[in-house]
Amino acid sequence: MLFRKQVFGLLYALLLLIGCHGKCIFNYSSQLKPLAHGVIKRNVPLTLKSSDKGWFRSLFVHKVDARKDAHSNLLSKKETSNLYKIQFHNVKPECLEAYNSLEAEVQKRLHEDQDYPCEVVGSWNTWYGEQDQAVHLWRYRGGYPALTDCLQKLRTNKEYLEFRKERAKMLLSRRNELLLEFSFWNEPLPRQGPNLYEMRTYYLKPGTMIEWGNRWARAIKHRQENNEAVGGFFTQIGQLYVVHHLWAYESLQSREETRNSAWRKEGWDVNVYYTVPLLRSMESRIMIPTKSSPLQ
């Protein structure tokens, strides 16, 4: 009997708390505001709003305002207008050496011609991962206008058109993506070798890019001490909600040691714990730079 009275007492107090006949629901008004180092803060003031919803449902239902800006604006660098293109070319095994030579010659000519607002950041062949694959990362300083300007000029470049015809004979398939760089990652710059490069690609659940960026903005400091961090990017065109992290290591052994050391740093385990649920899948490529790559 005493237990029953306690239960009724709690229910009565709960009814008083939520208001007459339970006609109030909680309404959250959320806004996203960028902080330093790429962290996005979510302010959630609590207000009450009248509603005709049932009192029981009102205990669990709330309204969330849509964020006021695209994640590309919230997470990318404001001080630069760089746009990146990544290319994945699957080459016929017997043509890989000839393909590398042809690609190096074209990249050199584009670098030397000031009329083309593009530059190769790095070129690699996949060692572990998808075999006989070439990966190229391009930078367009000036964003989409620079990309458009470059493409228009290439369409009328007879030498480049002949190169495309010759290259097509060597390929099995190809695809590309347009990327922006995360504001909290360092810009990829030429480096001396020899190095191995790892591209870790993360396929996120739609709607989770802000959370991913917030976590990595805090965690990247744990992975920069050995100069292994090269660049971090997310897709704008192509398969969406894809993140590419690019790392450089002296060897596979140094890769293992560097990654293991991160687990001994306070906060790294927390980052992994909170980012894993954001993923649909992930993959890793170990890549060797080509002779002409600025990233060696």
C-alpha atoms as a PDB file:
ATOM      1  CA  MET A   1       0.000   0.000   0.000  1.00  0.00           C
ATOM      2  CA  LEU A   2       2.821   2.401   0.872  1.00  0.00           C
ATOM      3  CA  PHE A   3       4.547   1.692  -2.444  1.00  0.00           C
ATOM      4  CA  ARG A   4       1.325   2.410  -4.357  1.00  0.00           C
ATOM      5  CA  LYS A   5       0.905   5.762  -2.592  1.00  0.00           C
ATOM      6  CA  GLN A   6       4.488   6.671  -3.503  1.00  0.00           C
ATOM      7  CA  VAL A   7       3.855   5.859  -7.164  1.00  0.00           C
ATOM      8  CA  PHE A   8       0.679   7.984  -7.269  1.00  0.00           C
ATOM      9  CA  GLY A   9       2.526  10.787  -5.531  1.00  0.00           C
ATOM     10  CA  LEU A  10       5.284  10.772  -8.146  1.00  0.00           C
ATOM     11  CA  LEU A  11       2.786  10.776 -11.016  1.00  0.00           C
ATOM     12  CA  TYR A  12       0.904  13.707  -9.467  1.00  0.00           C
ATOM     13  CA  ALA A  13       4.120  15.683  -9.056  1.00  0.00           C
ATOM     14  CA  LEU A  14       5.068  14.930 -12.667  1.00  0.00           C
ATOM     15  CA  LEU A  15       1.698  16.239 -13.886  1.00  0.00           C
ATOM     16  CA  LEU A  16       2.209  19.454 -11.962  1.00  0.00           C
ATOM     17  CA  LEU A  17       5.672  19.808 -13.457  1.00  0.00           C
ATOM     18  CA  ILE A  18       4.619  19.585 -17.083  1.00  0.00           C
ATOM     19  CA  GLY A  19       1.653  21.984 -16.626  1.00  0.00           C
ATOM     20  CA  CYS A  20      -2.104  21.926 -16.749  1.00  0.00           C
ATOM     21  CA  HIS A  21      -3.453  18.906 -18.671  1.00  0.00           C
ATOM     22  CA  GLY A  22       0.088  18.318 -19.923  1.00  0.00           C
ATOM     23  CA  LYS A  23      -0.095  20.794 -22.825  1.00  0.00           C
ATOM     24  CA  CYS A  24       3.556  21.768 -22.879  1.00  0.00           C
ATOM     25  CA  ILE A  25       6.450  20.266 -24.763  1.00  0.00           C
ATOM     26  CA  PHE A  26      10.118  21.053 -24.694  1.00  0.00           C
ATOM     27  CA  ASN A  27      11.425  23.002 -27.660  1.00  0.00           C
ATOM     28  CA  TYR A  28      15.117  23.141 -28.387  1.00  0.00           C
ATOM     29  CA  SER A  29      16.399  25.958 -30.570  1.00  0.00           C
ATOM     30  CA  SER A  30      19.857  24.951 -31.744  1.00  0.00           C
ATOM     31  CA  GLN A  31      22.423  26.928 -33.636  1.00  0.00           C
ATOM     32  CA  LEU A  32      25.880  25.984 -34.829  1.00  0.00           C
ATOM     33  CA  LYS A  33      28.687  28.440 -34.227  1.00  0.00           C
ATOM     34  CA  PRO A  34      32.304  27.918 -35.356  1.00  0.00           C
ATOM     35  CA  LEU A  35      35.006  28.158 -32.731  1.00  0.00           C
ATOM     36  CA  ALA A  36      38.772  28.207 -33.036  1.00  0.00           C
ATOM     37  CA  HIS A  37      40.565  25.242 -34.588  1.00  0.00           C
ATOM     38  CA  GLY A  38      37.492  24.107 -36.506  1.00  0.00           C
ATOM     39  CA  VAL A  39      35.339  23.199 -33.481  1.00  0.00           C
ATOM     40  CA  ILE A  40      31.630  23.835 -33.993  1.00  0.00           C
ATOM     41  CA  LYS A  41      29.658  24.709 -30.862  1.00  0.00           C
ATOM     42  CA  ARG A  42      25.968  23.828 -30.562  1.00  0.00           C
ATOM     43  CA  ASN A  43      24.069  26.229 -28.284  1.00  0.00           C
ATOM     44  CA  VAL A  44      20.826  24.694 -27.006  1.00  0.00           C
ATOM     45  CA  PRO A  45      18.681  27.112 -24.950  1.00  0.00           C
ATOM     46  CA  LEU A  46      15.692  25.447 -23.260  1.00  0.00           C
ATOM     47  CA  THR A  47      12.252  27.030 -23.737  1.00  0.00           C
ATOM     48  CA  LEU A  48       8.652  25.969 -23.240  1.00  0.00           C
ATOM     49  CA  LYS A  49       6.043  25.984 -25.986  1.00  0.00           C
ATOM     50  CA  SER A  50       2.303  25.407 -25.824  1.00  0.00           C
ATOM     51  CA  SER A  51       1.029  22.411 -27.781  1.00  0.00           C
ATOM     52  CA  ASP A  52      -2.001  20.209 -28.178  1.00  0.00           C
ATOM     53  CA  LYS A  53       0.176  17.067 -28.085  1.00  0.00           C
ATOM     54  CA  GLY A  54      -0.637  14.441 -25.505  1.00  0.00           C
ATOM     55  CA  TRP A  55       1.143  14.884 -22.180  1.00  0.00           C
ATOM     56  CA  PHE A  56       2.870  11.524 -22.318  1.00  0.00           C
ATOM     57  CA  ARG A  57       4.277  12.056 -25.819  1.00  0.00           C
ATOM     58  CA  SER A  58       5.416  15.534 -24.815  1.00  0.00           C
ATOM     59  CA  LEU A  59       7.895  13.995 -22.401  1.00  0.00           C
ATOM     60  CA  PHE A  60       9.901  12.552 -25.315  1.00  0.00           C
ATOM     61  CA  VAL A  61       9.286  14.765 -28.364  1.00  0.00           C
ATOM     62  CA  HIS A  62      11.233  17.945 -29.074  1.00  0.00           C
ATOM     63  CA  LYS A  63      11.793  20.197 -32.064  1.00  0.00           C
ATOM     64  CA  VAL A  64      15.273  20.935 -33.371  1.00  0.00           C
ATOM     65  CA  ASP A  65      15.814  23.874 -35.692  1.00  0.00           C
ATOM     66  CA  ALA A  66      17.825  23.187 -38.831  1.00  0.00           C
ATOM     67  CA  ARG A  67      21.412  24.441 -38.753  1.00  0.00           C
ATOM     68  CA  LYS A  68      21.920  27.713 -40.562  1.00  0.00           C
ATOM     69  CA  ASP A  69      24.908  26.891 -42.800  1.00  0.00           C
ATOM     70  CA  ALA A  70      26.350  24.037 -44.863  1.00  0.00           C
ATOM     71  CA  HIS A  71      28.993  21.854 -43.219  1.00  0.00           C
ATOM     72  CA  SER A  72      31.335  22.765 -46.091  1.00  0.00           C
ATOM     73  CA  ASN A  73      31.324  26.370 -44.857  1.00  0.00           C
ATOM     74  CA  LEU A  74      31.583  25.443 -41.195  1.00  0.00           C
ATOM     75  CA  LEU A  75      34.466  22.995 -41.543  1.00  0.00           C
ATOM     76  CA  SER A  76      36.619  24.236 -44.450  1.00  0.00           C
ATOM     77  CA  LYS A  77      39.392  26.829 -44.359  1.00  0.00           C
ATOM     78  CA  LYS A  78      38.196  30.425 -44.673  1.00  0.00           C
ATOM     79  CA  GLU A  79      41.619  31.934 -45.327  1.00  0.00           C
ATOM     80  CA  THR A  80      42.116  29.989 -48.575  1.00  0.00           C
ATOM     81  CA  SER A  81      39.917  29.203 -51.557  1.00  0.00           C
ATOM     82  CA  ASN A  82      41.618  25.941 -52.442  1.00  0.00           C
ATOM     83  CA  LEU A  83      39.657  23.232 -54.169  1.00  0.00           C
ATOM     84  CA  TYR A  84      41.129  19.737 -54.523  1.00  0.00           C
ATOM     85  CA  LYS A  85      40.487  16.963 -57.008  1.00  0.00           C
ATOM     86  CA  ILE A  86      41.452  13.372 -56.332  1.00  0.00           C
ATOM     87  CA  GLN A  87      41.667  10.873 -59.186  1.00  0.00           C
ATOM     88  CA  PHE A  88      41.652   7.079 -58.941  1.00  0.00           C
ATOM     89  CA  HIS A  89      42.859   5.384 -62.124  1.00  0.00           C
ATOM     90  CA  ASN A  90      42.807   1.611 -62.398  1.00  0.00           C
ATOM     91  CA  VAL A  91      45.554   0.778 -64.891  1.00  0.00           C
ATOM     92  CA  LYS A  92      46.086  -2.336 -66.958  1.00  0.00           C
ATOM     93  CA  PRO A  93      48.872  -4.211 -65.141  1.00  0.00           C
ATOM     94  CA  GLU A  94      51.115  -4.406 -68.199  1.00  0.00           C
ATOM     95  CA  CYS A  95      50.766  -0.633 -68.794  1.00  0.00           C
ATOM     96  CA  LEU A  96      51.540   0.787 -65.342  1.00  0.00           C
ATOM     97  CA  GLU A  97      55.132   1.800 -66.067  1.00  0.00           C
ATOM     98  CA  ALA A  98      54.228   3.466 -69.376  1.00  0.00           C
ATOM     99  CA  TYR A  99      51.261   5.155 -67.705  1.00  0.00           C
ATOM    100  CA  ASN A 100      53.469   6.640 -64.964  1.00  0.00           C
ATOM    101  CA  SER A 101      55.898   8.048 -67.515  1.00  0.00           C
ATOM    102  CA  LEU A 102      53.131   9.589 -69.616  1.00  0.00           C
ATOM    103  CA  GLU A 103      51.381  11.091 -66.594  1.00  0.00           C
ATOM    104  CA  ALA A 104      54.635  12.565 -65.258  1.00  0.00           C
ATOM    105  CA  GLU A 105      55.326  14.338 -68.556  1.00  0.00           C
ATOM    106  CA  VAL A 106      51.869  15.921 -68.686  1.00  0.00           C
ATOM    107  CA  GLN A 107      52.001  16.993 -65.031  1.00  0.00           C
ATOM    108  CA  LYS A 108      55.378  18.654 -65.633  1.00  0.00           C
ATOM    109  CA  ARG A 109      54.074  20.661 -68.573  1.00  0.00           C
ATOM    110  CA  LEU A 110      50.995  21.831 -66.672  1.00  0.00           C
ATOM    111  CA  HIS A 111      53.195  22.916 -63.755  1.00  0.00           C
ATOM    112  CA  GLU A 112      55.427  24.940 -66.034  1.00  0.00           C
ATOM    113  CA  ASP A 113      52.549  26.669 -67.839  1.00  0.00           C
ATOM    114  CA  GLN A 114      51.314  29.615 -65.761  1.00  0.00           C
ATOM    115  CA  ASP A 115      48.076  29.783 -67.754  1.00  0.00           C
ATOM    116  CA  TYR A 116      46.773  26.722 -65.928  1.00  0.00           C
ATOM    117  CA  PRO A 117      45.715  27.492 -62.307  1.00  0.00           C
ATOM    118  CA  CYS A 118      46.304  23.946 -61.075  1.00  0.00           C
ATOM    119  CA  GLU A 119      49.117  21.976 -59.474  1.00  0.00           C
ATOM    120  CA  VAL A 120      49.780  18.376 -58.563  1.00  0.00           C
ATOM    121  CA  VAL A 121      49.972  17.879 -54.798  1.00  0.00           C
ATOM    122  CA  GLY A 122      50.965  14.217 -55.038  1.00  0.00           C
ATOM    123  CA  SER A 123      50.902  11.147 -57.262  1.00  0.00           C
ATOM    124  CA  TRP A 124      51.112   7.568 -56.058  1.00  0.00           C
ATOM    125  CA  ASN A 125      50.760   3.916 -57.018  1.00  0.00           C
ATOM    126  CA  THR A 126      48.856   1.742 -54.577  1.00  0.00           C
ATOM    127  CA  TRP A 127      51.051  -0.858 -52.901  1.00  0.00           C
ATOM    128  CA  TYR A 128      48.535  -2.418 -50.507  1.00  0.00           C
ATOM    129  CA  GLY A 129      44.866  -2.017 -51.302  1.00  0.00           C
ATOM    130  CA  GLU A 130      43.487  -1.988 -54.829  1.00  0.00           C
ATOM    131  CA  GLN A 131      46.334  -3.144 -57.055  1.00  0.00           C
ATOM    132  CA  ASP A 132      47.642  -1.438 -60.212  1.00  0.00           C
ATOM    133  CA  GLN A 133      45.953   1.778 -59.174  1.00  0.00           C
ATOM    134  CA  ALA A 134      47.264   5.336 -59.628  1.00  0.00           C
ATOM    135  CA  VAL A 135      46.101   8.103 -57.282  1.00  0.00           C
ATOM    136  CA  HIS A 136      46.564  11.799 -58.090  1.00  0.00           C
ATOM    137  CA  LEU A 137      45.740  14.763 -55.857  1.00  0.00           C
ATOM    138  CA  TRP A 138      45.373  18.170 -57.555  1.00  0.00           C
ATOM    139  CA  ARG A 139      44.997  21.630 -56.042  1.00  0.00           C
ATOM    140  CA  TYR A 140      43.101  24.504 -57.705  1.00  0.00           C
ATOM    141  CA  ARG A 141      44.023  27.799 -56.054  1.00  0.00           C
ATOM    142  CA  GLY A 142      40.942  29.920 -56.615  1.00  0.00           C
ATOM    143  CA  GLY A 143      38.261  27.285 -56.103  1.00  0.00           C
ATOM    144  CA  TYR A 144      35.595  26.456 -58.665  1.00  0.00           C
ATOM    145  CA  PRO A 145      36.432  29.385 -61.016  1.00  0.00           C
ATOM    146  CA  ALA A 146      40.022  28.106 -61.260  1.00  0.00           C
ATOM    147  CA  LEU A 147      38.779  24.576 -61.974  1.00  0.00           C
ATOM    148  CA  THR A 148      36.417  25.824 -64.691  1.00  0.00           C
ATOM    149  CA  ASP A 149      39.119  27.992 -66.249  1.00  0.00           C
ATOM    150  CA  CYS A 150      41.542  25.074 -66.338  1.00  0.00           C
ATOM    151  CA  LEU A 151      39.033  22.661 -67.889  1.00  0.00           C
ATOM    152  CA  GLN A 152      38.034  25.131 -70.577  1.00  0.00           C
ATOM    153  CA  LYS A 153      41.654  25.631 -71.614  1.00  0.00           C
ATOM    154  CA  LEU A 154      42.387  21.909 -71.650  1.00  0.00           C
ATOM    155  CA  ARG A 155      39.450  21.249 -73.987  1.00  0.00           C
ATOM    156  CA  THR A 156      41.193  23.289 -76.668  1.00  0.00           C
ATOM    157  CA  ASN A 157      44.707  21.980 -75.983  1.00  0.00           C
ATOM    158  CA  LYS A 158      45.412  19.545 -78.830  1.00  0.00           C
ATOM    159  CA  GLU A 159      48.452  18.091 -77.079  1.00  0.00           C
ATOM    160  CA  TYR A 160      46.430  17.339 -73.960  1.00  0.00           C
ATOM    161  CA  LEU A 161      43.627  15.785 -75.983  1.00  0.00           C
ATOM    162  CA  GLU A 162      46.136  13.436 -77.605  1.00  0.00           C
ATOM    163  CA  PHE A 163      47.445  12.551 -74.164  1.00  0.00           C
ATOM    164  CA  ARG A 164      43.933  11.605 -73.020  1.00  0.00           C
ATOM    165  CA  LYS A 165      43.502   9.319 -76.031  1.00  0.00           C
ATOM    166  CA  GLU A 166      46.800   7.587 -75.328  1.00  0.00           C
ATOM    167  CA  ARG A 167      46.061   7.297 -71.614  1.00  0.00           C
ATOM    168  CA  ALA A 168      42.637   5.810 -72.273  1.00  0.00           C
ATOM    169  CA  LYS A 169      44.293   2.804 -73.931  1.00  0.00           C
ATOM    170  CA  MET A 170      46.049   2.019 -70.640  1.00  0.00           C
ATOM    171  CA  LEU A 171      43.064   2.296 -68.265  1.00  0.00           C
ATOM    172  CA  LEU A 172      40.485  -0.167 -67.030  1.00  0.00           C
ATOM    173  CA  SER A 173      38.409   2.440 -65.176  1.00  0.00           C
ATOM    174  CA  ARG A 174      38.705   5.805 -63.492  1.00  0.00           C
ATOM    175  CA  ARG A 175      36.785   8.065 -61.114  1.00  0.00           C
ATOM    176  CA  ASN A 176      37.319  11.362 -59.348  1.00  0.00           C
ATOM    177  CA  GLU A 177      36.017  13.502 -56.486  1.00  0.00           C
ATOM    178  CA  LEU A 178      36.144  17.200 -55.647  1.00  0.00           C
ATOM    179  CA  LEU A 179      37.298  17.919 -52.100  1.00  0.00           C
ATOM    180  CA  LEU A 180      37.694  20.664 -49.524  1.00  0.00           C
ATOM    181  CA  GLU A 181      40.327  20.558 -46.799  1.00  0.00           C
ATOM    182  CA  PHE A 182      39.425  20.588 -43.109  1.00  0.00           C
ATOM    183  CA  SER A 183      40.271  23.866 -41.369  1.00  0.00           C
ATOM    184  CA  PHE A 184      42.162  22.102 -38.545  1.00  0.00           C
ATOM    185  CA  TRP A 185      44.479  20.089 -40.827  1.00  0.00           C
ATOM    186  CA  ASN A 186      47.759  21.424 -42.147  1.00  0.00           C
ATOM    187  CA  GLU A 187      47.900  22.205 -45.880  1.00  0.00           C
ATOM    188  CA  PRO A 188      49.739  19.454 -47.812  1.00  0.00           C
ATOM    189  CA  LEU A 189      53.141  20.760 -48.869  1.00  0.00           C
ATOM    190  CA  PRO A 190      56.000  19.110 -50.796  1.00  0.00           C
ATOM    191  CA  ARG A 191      58.238  16.941 -48.631  1.00  0.00           C
ATOM    192  CA  GLN A 192      61.399  14.954 -49.133  1.00  0.00           C
ATOM    193  CA  GLY A 193      61.445  11.182 -48.964  1.00  0.00           C
ATOM    194  CA  PRO A 194      61.586   8.370 -49.004  1.00  0.00           C
ATOM    195  CA  ASN A 195      58.167   7.916 -47.410  1.00  0.00           C
ATOM    196  CA  LEU A 196      55.255   5.565 -47.581  1.00  0.00           C
ATOM    197  CA  TYR A 197      51.829   7.184 -47.654  1.00  0.00           C
ATOM    198  CA  GLU A 198      48.624   5.895 -46.172  1.00  0.00           C
ATOM    199  CA  MET A 199      45.258   7.168 -47.319  1.00  0.00           C
ATOM    200  CA  ARG A 200      42.569   6.247 -44.840  1.00  0.00           C
ATOM    201  CA  THR A 201      39.111   6.736 -46.310  1.00  0.00           C
ATOM    202  CA  TYR A 202      36.053   6.972 -44.071  1.00  0.00           C
ATOM    203  CA  TYR A 203      32.491   6.636 -45.351  1.00  0.00           C
ATOM    204  CA  LEU A 204      30.288   8.518 -42.889  1.00  0.00           C
ATOM    205  CA  LYS A 205      26.605   8.231 -42.153  1.00  0.00           C
ATOM    206  CA  PRO A 206      24.740  11.172 -43.758  1.00  0.00           C
ATOM    207  CA  GLY A 207      24.378  14.083 -41.347  1.00  0.00           C
ATOM    208  CA  THR A 208      27.427  13.257 -39.202  1.00  0.00           C
ATOM    209  CA  MET A 209      30.124  15.430 -40.810  1.00  0.00           C
ATOM    210  CA  ILE A 210      29.876  18.186 -38.152  1.00  0.00           C
ATOM    211  CA  GLU A 211      30.304  15.679 -35.332  1.00  0.00           C
ATOM    212  CA  TRP A 212      33.256  14.093 -37.151  1.00  0.00           C
ATOM    213  CA  GLY A 213      34.910  17.474 -37.617  1.00  0.00           C
ATOM    214  CA  ASN A 214      34.403  18.452 -33.987  1.00  0.00           C
ATOM    215  CA  ARG A 215      36.034  15.273 -32.718  1.00  0.00           C
ATOM    216  CA  TRP A 216      39.009  15.402 -35.072  1.00  0.00           C
ATOM    217  CA  ALA A 217      39.585  19.110 -34.433  1.00  0.00           C
ATOM    218  CA  ARG A 218      40.377  18.124 -30.843  1.00  0.00           C
ATOM    219  CA  ALA A 219      42.217  14.894 -31.656  1.00  0.00           C
ATOM    220  CA  ILE A 220      44.516  15.907 -34.532  1.00  0.00           C
ATOM    221  CA  LYS A 221      47.113  17.232 -32.069  1.00  0.00           C
ATOM    222  CA  HIS A 222      47.795  13.634 -31.018  1.00  0.00           C
ATOM    223  CA  ARG A 223      48.865  12.760 -34.577  1.00  0.00           C
ATOM    224  CA  GLN A 224      51.074  15.710 -35.556  1.00  0.00           C
ATOM    225  CA  GLU A 225      54.107  15.281 -33.311  1.00  0.00           C
ATOM    226  CA  ASN A 226      56.018  13.051 -35.744  1.00  0.00           C
ATOM    227  CA  ASN A 227      55.089  15.114 -38.812  1.00  0.00           C
ATOM    228  CA  GLU A 228      53.024  12.225 -40.161  1.00  0.00           C
ATOM    229  CA  ALA A 229      49.882  14.300 -40.865  1.00  0.00           C
ATOM    230  CA  VAL A 230      49.819  15.375 -44.521  1.00  0.00           C
ATOM    231  CA  GLY A 231      46.244  16.481 -45.202  1.00  0.00           C
ATOM    232  CA  GLY A 232      42.583  15.950 -44.364  1.00  0.00           C
ATOM    233  CA  PHE A 233      39.750  16.355 -46.883  1.00  0.00           C
ATOM    234  CA  PHE A 234      36.022  15.786 -47.307  1.00  0.00           C
ATOM    235  CA  THR A 235      34.051  15.359 -50.525  1.00  0.00           C
ATOM    236  CA  GLN A 236      31.930  18.021 -52.204  1.00  0.00           C
ATOM    237  CA  ILE A 237      31.208  16.266 -55.496  1.00  0.00           C
ATOM    238  CA  GLY A 238      31.323  12.521 -56.061  1.00  0.00           C
ATOM    239  CA  GLN A 239      30.323  10.100 -53.344  1.00  0.00           C
ATOM    240  CA  LEU A 240      29.237  12.339 -50.475  1.00  0.00           C
ATOM    241  CA  TYR A 241      30.059  12.113 -46.764  1.00  0.00           C
ATOM    242  CA  VAL A 242      33.483  10.687 -47.556  1.00  0.00           C
ATOM    243  CA  VAL A 243      36.607  11.750 -45.643  1.00  0.00           C
ATOM    244  CA  HIS A 244      40.213  11.160 -46.746  1.00  0.00           C
ATOM    245  CA  HIS A 245      43.090  11.404 -44.242  1.00  0.00           C
ATOM    246  CA  LEU A 246      46.589  11.331 -45.743  1.00  0.00           C
ATOM    247  CA  TRP A 247      49.582  10.268 -43.621  1.00  0.00           C
ATOM    248  CA  ALA A 248      53.320   9.851 -44.330  1.00  0.00           C
ATOM    249  CA  TYR A 249      55.617   7.286 -42.667  1.00  0.00           C
ATOM    250  CA  GLU A 250      59.198   6.226 -43.138  1.00  0.00           C
ATOM    251  CA  SER A 251      58.183   2.550 -43.215  1.00  0.00           C
ATOM    252  CA  LEU A 252      55.400   0.171 -42.266  1.00  0.00           C
ATOM    253  CA  GLN A 253      57.182  -0.399 -38.966  1.00  0.00           C
ATOM    254  CA  SER A 254      57.242   3.334 -38.177  1.00  0.00           C
ATOM    255  CA  ARG A 255      53.563   3.475 -39.090  1.00  0.00           C
ATOM    256  CA  GLU A 256      52.783   0.798 -36.527  1.00  0.00           C
ATOM    257  CA  GLU A 257      54.872   2.494 -33.841  1.00  0.00           C
ATOM    258  CA  THR A 258      53.361   5.921 -34.512  1.00  0.00           C
ATOM    259  CA  ARG A 259      49.802   4.636 -34.441  1.00  0.00           C
ATOM    260  CA  ASN A 260      50.417   2.647 -31.256  1.00  0.00           C
ATOM    261  CA  SER A 261      51.907   5.687 -29.530  1.00  0.00           C
ATOM    262  CA  ALA A 262      48.678   7.627 -30.130  1.00  0.00           C
ATOM    263  CA  TRP A 263      46.837   5.237 -27.803  1.00  0.00           C
ATOM    264  CA  ARG A 264      49.131   6.249 -24.951  1.00  0.00           C
ATOM    265  CA  LYS A 265      48.029   9.885 -25.221  1.00  0.00           C
ATOM    266  CA  GLU A 266      45.131  11.080 -23.129  1.00  0.00           C
ATOM    267  CA  GLY A 267      42.062  11.796 -25.255  1.00  0.00           C
ATOM    268  CA  TRP A 268      42.854   9.649 -28.289  1.00  0.00           C
ATOM    269  CA  ASP A 269      40.742   6.752 -27.037  1.00  0.00           C
ATOM    270  CA  VAL A 270      37.828   9.147 -26.507  1.00  0.00           C
ATOM    271  CA  ASN A 271      38.064  10.334 -30.118  1.00  0.00           C
ATOM    272  CA  VAL A 272      37.962   6.772 -31.429  1.00  0.00           C
ATOM    273  CA  TYR A 273      35.064   5.897 -29.120  1.00  0.00           C
ATOM    274  CA  TYR A 274      32.882   8.743 -30.395  1.00  0.00           C
ATOM    275  CA  THR A 275      33.801   8.632 -34.106  1.00  0.00           C
ATOM    276  CA  VAL A 276      33.369   4.906 -34.755  1.00  0.00           C
ATOM    277  CA  PRO A 277      29.539   5.109 -34.461  1.00  0.00           C
ATOM    278  CA  LEU A 278      29.547   7.794 -37.194  1.00  0.00           C
ATOM    279  CA  LEU A 279      30.965   5.370 -39.783  1.00  0.00           C
ATOM    280  CA  ARG A 280      29.338   3.195 -42.414  1.00  0.00           C
ATOM    281  CA  SER A 281      32.682   1.702 -43.508  1.00  0.00           C
ATOM    282  CA  MET A 282      36.358   2.562 -43.950  1.00  0.00           C
ATOM    283  CA  GLU A 283      39.401   1.458 -45.944  1.00  0.00           C
ATOM    284  CA  SER A 284      43.153   1.963 -46.027  1.00  0.00           C
ATOM    285  CA  ARG A 285      45.594   2.276 -48.945  1.00  0.00           C
ATOM    286  CA  ILE A 286      49.358   2.084 -48.617  1.00  0.00           C
ATOM    287  CA  MET A 287      50.834   4.060 -51.506  1.00  0.00           C
ATOM    288  CA  ILE A 288      54.286   4.672 -53.007  1.00  0.00           C
ATOM    289  CA  PRO A 289      54.919   8.113 -54.550  1.00  0.00           C
ATOM    290  CA  THR A 290      55.828   8.250 -58.223  1.00  0.00           C
ATOM    291  CA  LYS A 291      59.173   9.759 -59.201  1.00  0.00           C
ATOM    292  CA  SER A 292      57.557  13.060 -60.207  1.00  0.00           C
ATOM    293  CA  SER A 293      55.357  13.462 -57.118  1.00  0.00           C
ATOM    294  CA  PRO A 294      55.976  16.613 -55.005  1.00  0.00           C
ATOM    295  CA  LEU A 295      55.212  14.469 -51.957  1.00  0.00           C
ATOM    296  CA  GLN A 296      58.112  12.004 -51.746  1.00  0.00           C
END
